[in-house]
Amino acid sequence: MHSAHSHESQFSSQDWQDEQDKQSFSDLFILTIPSIPQHQALLLLMCQALTALPPCLRRSEAAAMNRVSMAKIRIKNIGKVIALLMRGIGATLRFEVEDRAGAFESSRAGWIWAFWHNRMFVIPYIHDQWFAHIPGAILSSPSGDGQIIADVCATFGFEAARGSSSKPLKGLSALIMMAEKVKEGRDVGITPDGPRGPKYEMQPGIIKLGQLTGGTIVPVRVIYSRVLRFKTWDEFMLPLPFSKVKIIFEPTMTVPRRMTEEEFETQRVKLQQVLVVDA
């Protein structure tokens, strides 16, 4: 009888602790769900589910989450290394600028910058050097690569809006996020042929952004004298140290809020033709 009682007491103590853990997460979820975003509620549900797992499985889940955290740390370090590389190479480059848009006017508000995906390397650097007084923002995907881009741009004063422009629903969410940044008066960087191409083909997102916000679009042409080309979908260009870089701010354009499909396409082609000169 004594051994049975002892076994029952030991079980009850562990069971009570598990029940307390589960109850604490349940209470937290019930109290907060009316006032928190949907993704946070989902996170709490996941926590609640984890507390219902046997201890051995919970330890496995904890180990997996720890591996994910370590991966994020490594990704963040990669972003810092790339940022240092950009600053190091950027300091050696010889820049030539043609300002046909009035980009250097001190009174100008934030613009929507349009530049090809494979020429983005110097964009954060020149913005930090020449336009640091104007806060910046850039769209990056929710993927690991997007996190690296976000970390890199953060070191140059850019705020990253995390979203995807390649899927309809996520694309709408990304458009709304970027519209908010435009209305905040930020310089917003858009690669209109990204994130997957085809290379030098203008996607409609930037025209929709201009239409939605009434923001000013500035085509930014980037021409490198000597580059290293990567074997990627866009043949990404890395300017070689001490090479010459020509930056051309083409005349700005605005997009009417109301357009027919034909007028919308005209605006898209117009912007594409300005940038495709250097293709």
Foldseek 3Di string as FASTA:
>chain_A
DVVVVVVVVVVVVVVVVLVVQLVVLVVVLVVPVVPDDPVVSVVSVVSNVLSPDPPVVNVVVVVVVVVVVVVLVVLLVLLVVLLVVLVVQVVQEAEDEAEAACPQPPPDFAAAEEAAPQQCSCVLVVCLVRPVVAAEEEEFEPDSVSSSVQSNSVVSRYHYDYFDCPDVVRVVVSLVVVLVVVVVRHHYYDNQQDDAGQGLQGDLSVLVSLLVNVGKYWYKEKDWPDWQFDPGNHRRTDHDHNTYIYIYTHHIDGHHNDDDPVSSVVVRVVSSVVHVPRD
